[in-house]
């Protein structure tokens, strides 16, 4: 999707993708990554996700990347977190204790600017990209990580013909196609979530499966 699409969604508060609670897969499967407490975690396309605070409260150093300044400012305001705002080339950087958020284009972020990561948490990033943009996204994440970096990836599977994304359906074959060259892939959980998603039912989706993966950079 083009940047203007997401800027418009945040400006007009059409953010049905935002969850009002901590993600259940994060709570139940984060420990499956076996990370040290102080591990540095990247959250791409983080929006104003409450998951950022959950990871921070676990003792991690959390780094978010988000295109919309509306989303970033809302996160800090709604969670009562004071942050310094720094102007960098191509980014605004919001900095708080154990938490930083780069406001700008993820594809402009380099490993030199980002620093070393232990993990990536992707709840809503991969499924936000149409098929023609996914290779670029995964290749860029690969360039930002090193061997041993672990990802908790959450996807959705549904009949794509029933609804235009985002969120898009990303099935296991697509995950394997995107990640298997440079990563090992373990499926951690799979569950039917249609009854919990009235917004998706209203858009015509007849079945909806949420899948959680542990992905390890080789």
N, C-alpha and C. Protein backbone atom coordinates (compact mmCIF):
# COMPACT_ATOMS: atom_id res chain seq x y z
N UNK A 1 0.85 -1.18 0.00
CA UNK A 1 0.00 0.00 0.00
C UNK A 1 0.88 1.24 0.00
N UNK A 2 0.40 2.31 -0.61
CA UNK A 2 1.16 3.55 -0.68
C UNK A 2 1.07 4.31 0.64
N UNK A 3 2.10 5.12 0.97
CA UNK A 3 2.09 5.86 2.24
C UNK A 3 0.83 6.69 2.46
N UNK A 4 0.31 7.32 1.40
CA UNK A 4 -0.88 8.15 1.56
C UNK A 4 -2.07 7.36 2.07
N UNK A 5 -2.15 6.08 1.72
CA UNK A 5 -3.24 5.23 2.20
C UNK A 5 -3.23 5.18 3.72
N UNK A 6 -2.05 4.93 4.31
CA UNK A 6 -1.95 4.78 5.76
C UNK A 6 -2.07 6.13 6.47
N UNK A 7 -1.50 7.18 5.88
CA UNK A 7 -1.67 8.51 6.48
C UNK A 7 -3.16 8.87 6.57
N UNK A 8 -3.90 8.56 5.51
CA UNK A 8 -5.33 8.86 5.50
C UNK A 8 -6.08 8.04 6.53
N UNK A 9 -5.71 6.77 6.67
CA UNK A 9 -6.40 5.92 7.65
C UNK A 9 -6.22 6.46 9.07
N UNK A 10 -5.02 6.93 9.38
CA UNK A 10 -4.77 7.46 10.72
C UNK A 10 -5.42 8.83 10.90
N UNK A 11 -5.38 9.67 9.89
CA UNK A 11 -5.99 11.01 9.99
C UNK A 11 -7.49 10.92 10.19
N UNK A 12 -8.12 9.94 9.55
CA UNK A 12 -9.57 9.80 9.62
C UNK A 12 -10.01 8.76 10.65
N UNK A 13 -9.05 8.26 11.43
CA UNK A 13 -9.33 7.30 12.52
C UNK A 13 -10.01 6.03 12.01
N UNK A 14 -9.69 5.62 10.79
CA UNK A 14 -10.19 4.33 10.27
C UNK A 14 -9.12 3.28 10.56
N UNK A 15 -9.06 2.89 11.83
CA UNK A 15 -7.97 2.03 12.30
C UNK A 15 -8.53 0.77 12.96
N UNK A 16 -9.39 0.08 12.22
CA UNK A 16 -9.95 -1.16 12.74
C UNK A 16 -8.90 -2.22 13.02
N UNK A 17 -7.71 -2.05 12.44
CA UNK A 17 -6.62 -2.99 12.68
C UNK A 17 -5.99 -2.81 14.06
N UNK A 18 -6.27 -1.68 14.72
CA UNK A 18 -5.69 -1.45 16.06
C UNK A 18 -6.43 -2.30 17.08
N UNK A 19 -5.69 -3.02 17.91
CA UNK A 19 -6.28 -3.86 18.95
C UNK A 19 -6.32 -3.11 20.27
N UNK A 20 -7.42 -3.22 20.98
CA UNK A 20 -7.60 -2.52 22.25
C UNK A 20 -7.09 -3.33 23.43
N UNK A 21 -6.45 -4.45 23.17
CA UNK A 21 -5.88 -5.29 24.23
C UNK A 21 -4.56 -5.88 23.73
N UNK A 22 -3.77 -6.39 24.66
CA UNK A 22 -2.51 -7.05 24.30
C UNK A 22 -2.83 -8.28 23.47
N UNK A 23 -2.05 -8.51 22.42
CA UNK A 23 -2.31 -9.65 21.54
C UNK A 23 -2.10 -10.97 22.28
N UNK A 24 -3.05 -11.90 22.11
CA UNK A 24 -2.97 -13.18 22.80
C UNK A 24 -1.79 -14.03 22.38
N UNK A 25 -1.43 -13.99 21.11
CA UNK A 25 -0.26 -14.76 20.66
C UNK A 25 1.02 -14.24 21.30
N UNK A 26 1.10 -12.93 21.46
CA UNK A 26 2.27 -12.35 22.12
C UNK A 26 2.37 -12.87 23.55
N UNK A 27 1.27 -12.85 24.27
CA UNK A 27 1.26 -13.30 25.66
C UNK A 27 1.63 -14.78 25.77
N UNK A 28 1.05 -15.60 24.90
CA UNK A 28 1.20 -17.05 25.03
C UNK A 28 2.46 -17.62 24.39
N UNK A 29 3.03 -16.90 23.41
CA UNK A 29 4.13 -17.50 22.64
C UNK A 29 5.43 -16.70 22.65
N UNK A 30 5.43 -15.55 23.29
CA UNK A 30 6.67 -14.78 23.29
C UNK A 30 7.81 -15.56 23.93
N UNK A 31 7.52 -16.28 25.00
CA UNK A 31 8.57 -17.05 25.68
C UNK A 31 9.12 -18.17 24.81
N UNK A 32 8.40 -18.55 23.75
CA UNK A 32 8.91 -19.57 22.84
C UNK A 32 10.12 -19.10 22.05
N UNK A 33 10.39 -17.80 22.09
CA UNK A 33 11.57 -17.27 21.41
C UNK A 33 12.83 -17.41 22.28
N UNK A 34 12.64 -17.69 23.59
CA UNK A 34 13.76 -17.90 24.53
C UNK A 34 14.77 -16.76 24.48
N UNK A 35 14.27 -15.56 24.67
CA UNK A 35 15.12 -14.37 24.62
C UNK A 35 15.54 -13.94 26.02
N UNK A 36 16.72 -13.33 26.15
CA UNK A 36 17.09 -12.74 27.43
C UNK A 36 16.19 -11.54 27.73
N UNK A 37 16.08 -11.20 29.00
CA UNK A 37 15.17 -10.14 29.42
C UNK A 37 15.44 -8.82 28.72
N UNK A 38 16.69 -8.46 28.57
CA UNK A 38 17.05 -7.16 28.01
C UNK A 38 17.18 -7.17 26.48
N UNK A 39 16.67 -8.19 25.83
CA UNK A 39 16.79 -8.30 24.38
C UNK A 39 16.18 -7.08 23.68
N UNK A 40 16.79 -6.70 22.57
CA UNK A 40 16.32 -5.56 21.78
C UNK A 40 15.36 -6.07 20.71
N UNK A 41 14.16 -5.47 20.68
CA UNK A 41 13.06 -5.99 19.84
C UNK A 41 12.57 -4.91 18.89
N UNK A 42 12.50 -5.24 17.60
CA UNK A 42 11.95 -4.35 16.59
C UNK A 42 10.49 -4.68 16.35
N UNK A 43 9.65 -3.64 16.31
CA UNK A 43 8.23 -3.80 16.00
C UNK A 43 7.94 -2.96 14.76
N UNK A 44 7.95 -3.56 13.56
CA UNK A 44 7.69 -2.79 12.34
C UNK A 44 6.22 -2.45 12.19
N UNK A 45 5.96 -1.27 11.62
CA UNK A 45 4.60 -0.77 11.40
C UNK A 45 3.79 -0.88 12.70
N UNK A 46 4.34 -0.29 13.76
CA UNK A 46 3.83 -0.53 15.11
C UNK A 46 2.55 0.21 15.43
N UNK A 47 2.19 1.26 14.67
CA UNK A 47 1.00 2.02 15.01
C UNK A 47 1.08 2.56 16.43
N UNK A 48 -0.01 2.40 17.16
CA UNK A 48 -0.03 2.78 18.58
C UNK A 48 -0.28 1.54 19.45
N UNK A 49 0.26 0.42 19.01
CA UNK A 49 -0.02 -0.87 19.62
C UNK A 49 0.32 -0.92 21.11
N UNK A 50 -0.60 -1.48 21.88
CA UNK A 50 -0.35 -1.70 23.31
C UNK A 50 0.73 -2.75 23.53
N UNK A 51 1.00 -3.54 22.50
CA UNK A 51 2.04 -4.56 22.62
C UNK A 51 3.42 -3.95 22.87
N UNK A 52 3.63 -2.73 22.42
CA UNK A 52 4.90 -2.05 22.69
C UNK A 52 5.14 -1.94 24.18
N UNK A 53 4.11 -1.51 24.91
CA UNK A 53 4.25 -1.35 26.36
C UNK A 53 4.43 -2.70 27.05
N UNK A 54 3.74 -3.73 26.55
CA UNK A 54 3.87 -5.07 27.16
C UNK A 54 5.31 -5.55 27.04
N UNK A 55 5.89 -5.41 25.87
CA UNK A 55 7.28 -5.83 25.66
C UNK A 55 8.23 -5.01 26.54
N UNK A 56 7.98 -3.73 26.62
CA UNK A 56 8.81 -2.86 27.46
C UNK A 56 8.72 -3.27 28.93
N UNK A 57 7.52 -3.58 29.39
CA UNK A 57 7.33 -3.98 30.78
C UNK A 57 7.99 -5.32 31.09
N UNK A 58 8.22 -6.12 30.06
CA UNK A 58 8.95 -7.38 30.24
C UNK A 58 10.45 -7.16 30.37
N UNK A 59 10.91 -5.93 30.22
CA UNK A 59 12.32 -5.60 30.37
C UNK A 59 13.08 -5.46 29.07
N UNK A 60 12.37 -5.60 27.93
CA UNK A 60 13.03 -5.49 26.64
C UNK A 60 13.29 -4.03 26.26
N UNK A 61 14.27 -3.83 25.42
CA UNK A 61 14.48 -2.54 24.78
C UNK A 61 13.72 -2.58 23.46
N UNK A 62 12.68 -1.77 23.35
CA UNK A 62 11.73 -1.87 22.26
C UNK A 62 11.96 -0.74 21.26
N UNK A 63 11.99 -1.11 19.98
CA UNK A 63 12.17 -0.14 18.90
C UNK A 63 11.02 -0.30 17.92
N UNK A 64 10.17 0.73 17.82
CA UNK A 64 9.08 0.72 16.87
C UNK A 64 9.43 1.51 15.63
N UNK A 65 8.79 1.18 14.53
CA UNK A 65 8.90 1.96 13.30
C UNK A 65 7.47 2.18 12.79
N UNK A 66 7.13 3.43 12.54
CA UNK A 66 5.76 3.76 12.14
C UNK A 66 5.78 4.95 11.20
N UNK A 67 4.98 4.86 10.13
CA UNK A 67 4.93 5.92 9.13
C UNK A 67 4.18 7.15 9.62
N UNK A 68 3.12 6.94 10.40
CA UNK A 68 2.21 8.03 10.76
C UNK A 68 2.61 8.72 12.05
N UNK A 69 2.78 10.04 11.98
CA UNK A 69 3.06 10.81 13.19
C UNK A 69 1.84 10.84 14.10
N UNK A 70 0.64 10.77 13.52
CA UNK A 70 -0.58 10.71 14.33
C UNK A 70 -0.54 9.49 15.23
N UNK A 71 -0.16 8.35 14.69
CA UNK A 71 -0.11 7.11 15.47
C UNK A 71 0.94 7.18 16.56
N UNK A 72 2.12 7.69 16.24
CA UNK A 72 3.21 7.74 17.22
C UNK A 72 2.84 8.66 18.38
N UNK A 73 2.35 9.85 18.06
CA UNK A 73 1.99 10.78 19.13
C UNK A 73 0.85 10.24 19.97
N UNK A 74 -0.11 9.55 19.34
CA UNK A 74 -1.22 8.96 20.09
C UNK A 74 -0.72 7.89 21.05
N UNK A 75 0.25 7.08 20.60
CA UNK A 75 0.77 6.04 21.49
C UNK A 75 1.34 6.64 22.76
N UNK A 76 2.21 7.62 22.63
CA UNK A 76 2.85 8.18 23.82
C UNK A 76 1.83 8.92 24.70
N UNK A 77 0.90 9.65 24.09
CA UNK A 77 -0.10 10.38 24.87
C UNK A 77 -1.04 9.43 25.60
N UNK A 78 -1.54 8.42 24.91
CA UNK A 78 -2.53 7.51 25.51
C UNK A 78 -1.93 6.61 26.58
N UNK A 79 -0.62 6.40 26.52
CA UNK A 79 0.03 5.55 27.52
C UNK A 79 0.77 6.35 28.58
N UNK A 80 0.66 7.67 28.52
CA UNK A 80 1.27 8.53 29.54
C UNK A 80 2.78 8.42 29.59
N UNK A 81 3.41 8.24 28.43
CA UNK A 81 4.87 8.08 28.37
C UNK A 81 5.47 9.36 27.80
N UNK A 82 6.39 9.96 28.55
CA UNK A 82 7.09 11.15 28.07
C UNK A 82 8.24 10.72 27.16
N UNK A 83 8.37 11.40 26.03
CA UNK A 83 9.42 11.05 25.07
C UNK A 83 10.06 12.32 24.52
N UNK A 84 11.36 12.24 24.28
CA UNK A 84 12.06 13.31 23.58
C UNK A 84 11.93 13.06 22.08
N UNK A 85 11.75 14.13 21.34
CA UNK A 85 11.64 14.02 19.88
C UNK A 85 12.90 14.58 19.25
N UNK A 86 13.59 13.74 18.49
CA UNK A 86 14.82 14.13 17.82
C UNK A 86 14.60 14.12 16.32
N UNK A 87 15.11 15.13 15.64
CA UNK A 87 15.02 15.18 14.18
C UNK A 87 16.28 14.59 13.58
N UNK A 88 16.09 13.52 12.80
CA UNK A 88 17.19 12.85 12.13
C UNK A 88 16.95 12.92 10.62
N UNK A 89 17.98 12.69 9.82
CA UNK A 89 17.74 12.58 8.38
C UNK A 89 16.72 11.48 8.07
N UNK A 90 15.62 11.85 7.45
CA UNK A 90 14.56 10.95 7.00
C UNK A 90 13.65 10.43 8.12
N UNK A 91 13.95 10.73 9.38
CA UNK A 91 13.15 10.23 10.49
C UNK A 91 13.01 11.28 11.59
N UNK A 92 11.89 11.19 12.32
CA UNK A 92 11.79 11.75 13.66
C UNK A 92 11.94 10.57 14.61
N UNK A 93 12.75 10.73 15.63
CA UNK A 93 12.98 9.66 16.59
C UNK A 93 12.43 10.08 17.95
N UNK A 94 11.47 9.31 18.45
CA UNK A 94 10.90 9.54 19.77
C UNK A 94 11.60 8.58 20.74
N UNK A 95 12.15 9.14 21.82
CA UNK A 95 12.96 8.33 22.73
C UNK A 95 12.42 8.44 24.15
N UNK A 96 12.18 7.30 24.78
CA UNK A 96 11.81 7.20 26.19
C UNK A 96 12.64 6.08 26.80
N UNK A 97 12.48 5.86 28.09
CA UNK A 97 13.25 4.80 28.75
C UNK A 97 12.87 3.44 28.16
N UNK A 98 13.86 2.72 27.63
CA UNK A 98 13.69 1.38 27.07
C UNK A 98 12.73 1.35 25.89
N UNK A 99 12.51 2.49 25.26
CA UNK A 99 11.57 2.55 24.15
C UNK A 99 11.97 3.66 23.19
N UNK A 100 12.03 3.32 21.91
CA UNK A 100 12.29 4.31 20.87
C UNK A 100 11.36 4.04 19.70
N UNK A 101 10.95 5.09 19.02
CA UNK A 101 10.09 4.91 17.85
C UNK A 101 10.59 5.80 16.72
N UNK A 102 10.93 5.17 15.61
CA UNK A 102 11.32 5.89 14.40
C UNK A 102 10.05 6.22 13.63
N UNK A 103 9.77 7.51 13.44
CA UNK A 103 8.62 7.92 12.65
C UNK A 103 9.12 8.22 11.24
N UNK A 104 8.79 7.32 10.32
CA UNK A 104 9.24 7.47 8.95
C UNK A 104 9.05 6.18 8.20
N UNK A 105 9.65 6.10 7.03
CA UNK A 105 9.51 4.97 6.12
C UNK A 105 10.43 3.84 6.54
N UNK A 106 9.86 2.69 6.86
CA UNK A 106 10.64 1.53 7.26
C UNK A 106 11.76 1.23 6.27
N UNK A 107 11.51 1.41 4.98
CA UNK A 107 12.49 1.05 3.96
C UNK A 107 13.68 2.00 3.92
N UNK A 108 13.59 3.11 4.63
CA UNK A 108 14.72 4.03 4.75
C UNK A 108 15.61 3.69 5.94
N UNK A 109 15.17 2.76 6.77
CA UNK A 109 15.92 2.40 7.98
C UNK A 109 17.03 1.42 7.62
N UNK A 110 18.23 1.67 8.14
CA UNK A 110 19.38 0.80 7.90
C UNK A 110 19.84 0.18 9.20
N UNK A 111 20.60 -0.90 9.08
CA UNK A 111 21.10 -1.57 10.27
C UNK A 111 22.08 -0.68 11.03
N UNK A 112 22.78 0.20 10.33
CA UNK A 112 23.70 1.11 11.00
C UNK A 112 22.95 2.08 11.92
N UNK A 113 21.80 2.57 11.47
CA UNK A 113 21.02 3.48 12.29
C UNK A 113 20.24 2.73 13.37
N UNK A 114 19.74 1.56 13.02
CA UNK A 114 18.89 0.80 13.94
C UNK A 114 19.68 0.14 15.05
N UNK A 115 20.83 -0.42 14.73
CA UNK A 115 21.59 -1.16 15.72
C UNK A 115 21.22 -2.64 15.73
N UNK A 116 21.86 -3.37 16.59
CA UNK A 116 21.71 -4.82 16.62
C UNK A 116 20.40 -5.23 17.30
N UNK A 117 19.73 -6.22 16.71
CA UNK A 117 18.45 -6.70 17.21
C UNK A 117 18.55 -8.15 17.67
N UNK A 118 17.78 -8.49 18.70
CA UNK A 118 17.64 -9.89 19.10
C UNK A 118 16.37 -10.50 18.54
N UNK A 119 15.36 -9.65 18.26
CA UNK A 119 14.06 -10.19 17.85
C UNK A 119 13.27 -9.16 17.06
N UNK A 120 12.28 -9.68 16.33
CA UNK A 120 11.29 -8.88 15.62
C UNK A 120 9.91 -9.40 16.02
N UNK A 121 9.00 -8.47 16.27
CA UNK A 121 7.62 -8.85 16.56
C UNK A 121 6.74 -8.27 15.46
N UNK A 122 6.14 -9.16 14.66
CA UNK A 122 5.34 -8.75 13.51
C UNK A 122 3.92 -9.30 13.66
N UNK A 123 3.04 -8.45 14.20
CA UNK A 123 1.64 -8.85 14.32
C UNK A 123 0.81 -8.40 13.12
N UNK A 124 1.10 -7.22 12.59
CA UNK A 124 0.23 -6.67 11.57
C UNK A 124 0.98 -6.07 10.39
N UNK A 125 2.28 -6.32 10.31
CA UNK A 125 3.07 -5.71 9.23
C UNK A 125 2.99 -6.55 7.95
N UNK A 126 3.40 -7.81 8.00
CA UNK A 126 3.41 -8.63 6.79
C UNK A 126 2.03 -8.69 6.16
N UNK A 127 0.99 -8.84 6.96
CA UNK A 127 -0.36 -8.97 6.41
C UNK A 127 -0.92 -7.65 5.90
N UNK A 128 -0.18 -6.56 6.09
CA UNK A 128 -0.63 -5.27 5.54
C UNK A 128 -0.14 -5.04 4.11
N UNK A 129 0.79 -5.90 3.64
CA UNK A 129 1.38 -5.71 2.32
C UNK A 129 0.69 -6.57 1.28
N UNK A 130 0.30 -6.00 0.13
CA UNK A 130 -0.18 -6.83 -0.98
C UNK A 130 0.97 -7.69 -1.49
N UNK A 131 0.65 -8.72 -2.24
CA UNK A 131 1.63 -9.74 -2.61
C UNK A 131 2.83 -9.14 -3.33
N UNK A 132 2.62 -8.12 -4.15
CA UNK A 132 3.73 -7.57 -4.94
C UNK A 132 4.73 -6.78 -4.10
N UNK A 133 4.40 -6.48 -2.84
CA UNK A 133 5.31 -5.73 -1.97
C UNK A 133 5.94 -6.58 -0.86
N UNK A 134 5.53 -7.82 -0.74
CA UNK A 134 5.99 -8.63 0.40
C UNK A 134 7.46 -9.02 0.29
N UNK A 135 7.91 -9.34 -0.92
CA UNK A 135 9.32 -9.72 -1.07
C UNK A 135 10.24 -8.59 -0.62
N UNK A 136 9.90 -7.38 -1.04
CA UNK A 136 10.72 -6.24 -0.64
C UNK A 136 10.74 -6.07 0.88
N UNK A 137 9.58 -6.24 1.50
CA UNK A 137 9.48 -6.10 2.95
C UNK A 137 10.35 -7.13 3.67
N UNK A 138 10.22 -8.39 3.29
CA UNK A 138 10.98 -9.45 3.97
C UNK A 138 12.48 -9.30 3.69
N UNK A 139 12.83 -8.96 2.47
CA UNK A 139 14.25 -8.74 2.15
C UNK A 139 14.83 -7.60 2.97
N UNK A 140 14.03 -6.56 3.18
CA UNK A 140 14.53 -5.43 3.97
C UNK A 140 14.69 -5.83 5.44
N UNK A 141 13.72 -6.54 5.99
CA UNK A 141 13.87 -7.02 7.37
C UNK A 141 15.10 -7.91 7.51
N UNK A 142 15.34 -8.74 6.51
CA UNK A 142 16.52 -9.61 6.54
C UNK A 142 17.79 -8.77 6.59
N UNK A 143 17.80 -7.65 5.88
CA UNK A 143 18.98 -6.77 5.88
C UNK A 143 19.18 -6.08 7.22
N UNK A 144 18.13 -6.02 8.05
CA UNK A 144 18.22 -5.35 9.34
C UNK A 144 18.56 -6.32 10.48
N UNK A 145 18.66 -7.61 10.18
CA UNK A 145 18.87 -8.62 11.21
C UNK A 145 20.14 -9.40 10.94
N UNK A 146 20.50 -10.21 11.93
CA UNK A 146 21.71 -11.03 11.84
C UNK A 146 21.34 -12.47 12.16
N UNK A 147 22.22 -13.43 11.83
CA UNK A 147 21.94 -14.82 12.20
C UNK A 147 21.61 -14.94 13.69
N UNK A 148 20.56 -15.68 13.98
CA UNK A 148 20.12 -15.86 15.35
C UNK A 148 18.96 -14.97 15.74
N UNK A 149 18.71 -13.88 15.00
CA UNK A 149 17.57 -13.03 15.30
C UNK A 149 16.28 -13.82 15.12
N UNK A 150 15.37 -13.70 16.09
CA UNK A 150 14.12 -14.45 16.05
C UNK A 150 12.94 -13.52 15.83
N UNK A 151 11.96 -14.03 15.11
CA UNK A 151 10.75 -13.26 14.81
C UNK A 151 9.53 -14.02 15.30
N UNK A 152 8.64 -13.32 16.01
CA UNK A 152 7.31 -13.85 16.27
C UNK A 152 6.39 -13.22 15.22
N UNK A 153 5.92 -14.04 14.29
CA UNK A 153 5.12 -13.59 13.17
C UNK A 153 3.69 -14.11 13.31
N UNK A 154 2.73 -13.21 13.13
CA UNK A 154 1.33 -13.58 13.21
C UNK A 154 0.68 -13.25 11.86
N UNK A 155 0.03 -14.22 11.27
CA UNK A 155 -0.62 -14.03 9.98
C UNK A 155 -2.10 -14.39 10.06
N UNK A 156 -2.81 -14.04 9.01
CA UNK A 156 -4.21 -14.42 8.86
C UNK A 156 -4.36 -15.21 7.56
N UNK A 157 -5.22 -16.22 7.59
CA UNK A 157 -5.56 -16.99 6.39
C UNK A 157 -7.08 -16.95 6.20
N UNK A 158 -7.49 -16.56 5.00
CA UNK A 158 -8.90 -16.55 4.64
C UNK A 158 -8.98 -16.58 3.12
N UNK A 159 -10.14 -16.88 2.53
CA UNK A 159 -10.24 -16.87 1.07
C UNK A 159 -10.07 -15.44 0.54
N UNK A 160 -8.94 -15.17 -0.09
CA UNK A 160 -8.62 -13.80 -0.48
C UNK A 160 -9.67 -13.20 -1.41
N UNK A 161 -10.32 -14.02 -2.21
CA UNK A 161 -11.34 -13.52 -3.14
C UNK A 161 -12.55 -12.94 -2.43
N UNK A 162 -12.72 -13.29 -1.14
CA UNK A 162 -13.89 -12.80 -0.41
C UNK A 162 -13.73 -11.37 0.08
N UNK A 163 -12.52 -10.86 0.12
CA UNK A 163 -12.30 -9.52 0.67
C UNK A 163 -11.03 -8.92 0.11
N UNK A 164 -11.06 -7.65 -0.16
CA UNK A 164 -9.84 -6.93 -0.51
C UNK A 164 -9.13 -6.50 0.77
N UNK A 165 -7.84 -6.82 0.86
CA UNK A 165 -7.09 -6.38 2.04
C UNK A 165 -6.75 -4.90 1.93
N UNK A 166 -6.07 -4.36 2.95
CA UNK A 166 -5.56 -5.08 4.11
C UNK A 166 -6.63 -5.28 5.19
N UNK A 167 -6.41 -6.26 6.10
CA UNK A 167 -5.31 -7.21 6.10
C UNK A 167 -5.47 -8.25 4.99
N UNK A 168 -4.33 -8.70 4.47
CA UNK A 168 -4.33 -9.70 3.41
C UNK A 168 -4.14 -11.10 3.99
N UNK A 169 -4.62 -12.07 3.25
CA UNK A 169 -4.38 -13.47 3.62
C UNK A 169 -2.95 -13.85 3.23
N UNK A 170 -2.23 -14.41 4.19
CA UNK A 170 -0.86 -14.88 3.94
C UNK A 170 -0.79 -16.31 4.48
N UNK A 171 -0.85 -17.29 3.60
CA UNK A 171 -0.89 -18.68 4.05
C UNK A 171 0.50 -19.24 4.27
N UNK A 172 0.56 -20.48 4.73
CA UNK A 172 1.84 -21.09 5.08
C UNK A 172 2.77 -21.19 3.88
N UNK A 173 2.25 -21.50 2.72
CA UNK A 173 3.10 -21.59 1.54
C UNK A 173 3.74 -20.25 1.22
N UNK A 174 3.00 -19.18 1.43
CA UNK A 174 3.55 -17.86 1.20
C UNK A 174 4.62 -17.52 2.24
N UNK A 175 4.40 -17.88 3.49
CA UNK A 175 5.42 -17.66 4.52
C UNK A 175 6.69 -18.42 4.18
N UNK A 176 6.54 -19.68 3.74
CA UNK A 176 7.71 -20.47 3.35
C UNK A 176 8.42 -19.83 2.16
N UNK A 177 7.66 -19.38 1.18
CA UNK A 177 8.28 -18.75 0.01
C UNK A 177 9.08 -17.51 0.40
N UNK A 178 8.53 -16.72 1.29
CA UNK A 178 9.15 -15.45 1.66
C UNK A 178 10.36 -15.63 2.56
N UNK A 179 10.29 -16.59 3.49
CA UNK A 179 11.29 -16.64 4.55
C UNK A 179 12.29 -17.79 4.46
N UNK A 180 11.97 -18.87 3.76
CA UNK A 180 12.76 -20.09 3.91
C UNK A 180 14.20 -19.97 3.41
N UNK A 181 14.47 -19.03 2.54
CA UNK A 181 15.84 -18.90 2.02
C UNK A 181 16.84 -18.52 3.12
N UNK A 182 16.42 -17.67 4.05
CA UNK A 182 17.34 -17.16 5.07
C UNK A 182 16.89 -17.46 6.50
N UNK A 183 15.83 -18.26 6.65
CA UNK A 183 15.27 -18.48 7.99
C UNK A 183 14.79 -19.92 8.15
N UNK A 184 14.78 -20.37 9.39
CA UNK A 184 14.03 -21.58 9.73
C UNK A 184 12.67 -21.14 10.24
N UNK A 185 11.65 -21.98 10.03
CA UNK A 185 10.28 -21.59 10.30
C UNK A 185 9.60 -22.68 11.12
N UNK A 186 9.00 -22.29 12.25
CA UNK A 186 8.25 -23.22 13.09
C UNK A 186 6.87 -22.65 13.33
N UNK A 187 5.84 -23.43 13.02
CA UNK A 187 4.48 -23.01 13.34
C UNK A 187 4.21 -23.30 14.82
N UNK A 188 3.78 -22.29 15.56
CA UNK A 188 3.54 -22.42 16.99
C UNK A 188 2.08 -22.64 17.33
N UNK A 189 1.19 -22.03 16.57
CA UNK A 189 -0.24 -22.13 16.90
C UNK A 189 -1.07 -21.77 15.68
N UNK A 190 -2.28 -22.33 15.65
CA UNK A 190 -3.22 -22.07 14.56
C UNK A 190 -4.62 -22.15 15.17
N UNK A 191 -5.43 -21.11 14.96
CA UNK A 191 -6.77 -21.15 15.55
C UNK A 191 -7.78 -20.39 14.70
N UNK A 192 -9.02 -20.86 14.75
CA UNK A 192 -10.14 -20.22 14.07
C UNK A 192 -10.56 -19.00 14.89
N UNK A 193 -10.53 -17.81 14.27
CA UNK A 193 -10.84 -16.58 15.01
C UNK A 193 -12.02 -15.82 14.40
N UNK A 194 -12.75 -16.42 13.46
CA UNK A 194 -13.80 -15.68 12.77
C UNK A 194 -14.85 -15.15 13.73
N UNK A 195 -15.23 -15.94 14.73
CA UNK A 195 -16.28 -15.50 15.65
C UNK A 195 -15.86 -14.26 16.44
N UNK A 196 -14.55 -14.03 16.54
CA UNK A 196 -14.06 -12.86 17.28
C UNK A 196 -13.83 -11.65 16.40
N UNK A 197 -14.16 -11.75 15.11
CA UNK A 197 -13.85 -10.69 14.16
C UNK A 197 -15.11 -10.25 13.39
N UNK A 198 -16.01 -9.53 14.05
CA UNK A 198 -17.22 -9.09 13.36
C UNK A 198 -16.93 -8.18 12.17
N UNK A 199 -15.85 -7.42 12.24
CA UNK A 199 -15.48 -6.54 11.13
C UNK A 199 -15.17 -7.34 9.87
N UNK A 200 -14.47 -8.47 10.05
CA UNK A 200 -14.15 -9.33 8.90
C UNK A 200 -15.39 -10.03 8.38
N UNK A 201 -16.26 -10.49 9.29
CA UNK A 201 -17.51 -11.13 8.85
C UNK A 201 -18.36 -10.15 8.04
N UNK A 202 -18.38 -8.90 8.48
CA UNK A 202 -19.17 -7.89 7.78
C UNK A 202 -18.63 -7.61 6.39
N UNK A 203 -17.35 -7.89 6.18
CA UNK A 203 -16.74 -7.67 4.87
C UNK A 203 -16.86 -8.91 3.97
N UNK A 204 -17.54 -9.95 4.47
CA UNK A 204 -17.84 -11.10 3.64
C UNK A 204 -16.95 -12.31 3.82
N UNK A 205 -16.09 -12.28 4.83
CA UNK A 205 -15.18 -13.40 5.06
C UNK A 205 -15.93 -14.56 5.71
N UNK A 206 -15.79 -15.77 5.14
CA UNK A 206 -16.54 -16.94 5.63
C UNK A 206 -15.73 -17.81 6.58
N UNK A 207 -14.40 -17.72 6.52
CA UNK A 207 -13.56 -18.46 7.46
C UNK A 207 -12.27 -17.67 7.65
N UNK A 208 -11.74 -17.72 8.87
CA UNK A 208 -10.58 -16.90 9.22
C UNK A 208 -9.73 -17.64 10.24
N UNK A 209 -8.46 -17.86 9.88
CA UNK A 209 -7.54 -18.57 10.75
C UNK A 209 -6.36 -17.66 11.07
N UNK A 210 -6.01 -17.61 12.35
CA UNK A 210 -4.84 -16.87 12.80
C UNK A 210 -3.71 -17.87 13.04
N UNK A 211 -2.54 -17.58 12.50
CA UNK A 211 -1.40 -18.50 12.63
C UNK A 211 -0.22 -17.75 13.22
N UNK A 212 0.45 -18.39 14.16
CA UNK A 212 1.62 -17.80 14.83
C UNK A 212 2.85 -18.64 14.52
N UNK A 213 3.92 -17.97 14.10
CA UNK A 213 5.17 -18.65 13.73
C UNK A 213 6.34 -18.11 14.54
N UNK A 214 7.29 -18.98 14.79
CA UNK A 214 8.63 -18.57 15.25
C UNK A 214 9.57 -18.71 14.05
N UNK A 215 10.22 -17.62 13.70
CA UNK A 215 11.09 -17.60 12.53
C UNK A 215 12.48 -17.18 12.98
N UNK A 216 13.48 -17.97 12.63
CA UNK A 216 14.85 -17.74 13.12
C UNK A 216 15.77 -17.47 11.94
N UNK A 217 16.46 -16.36 12.00
CA UNK A 217 17.40 -15.98 10.93
C UNK A 217 18.60 -16.92 10.94
N UNK A 218 18.95 -17.46 9.77
CA UNK A 218 20.07 -18.39 9.64
C UNK A 218 21.35 -17.65 9.32
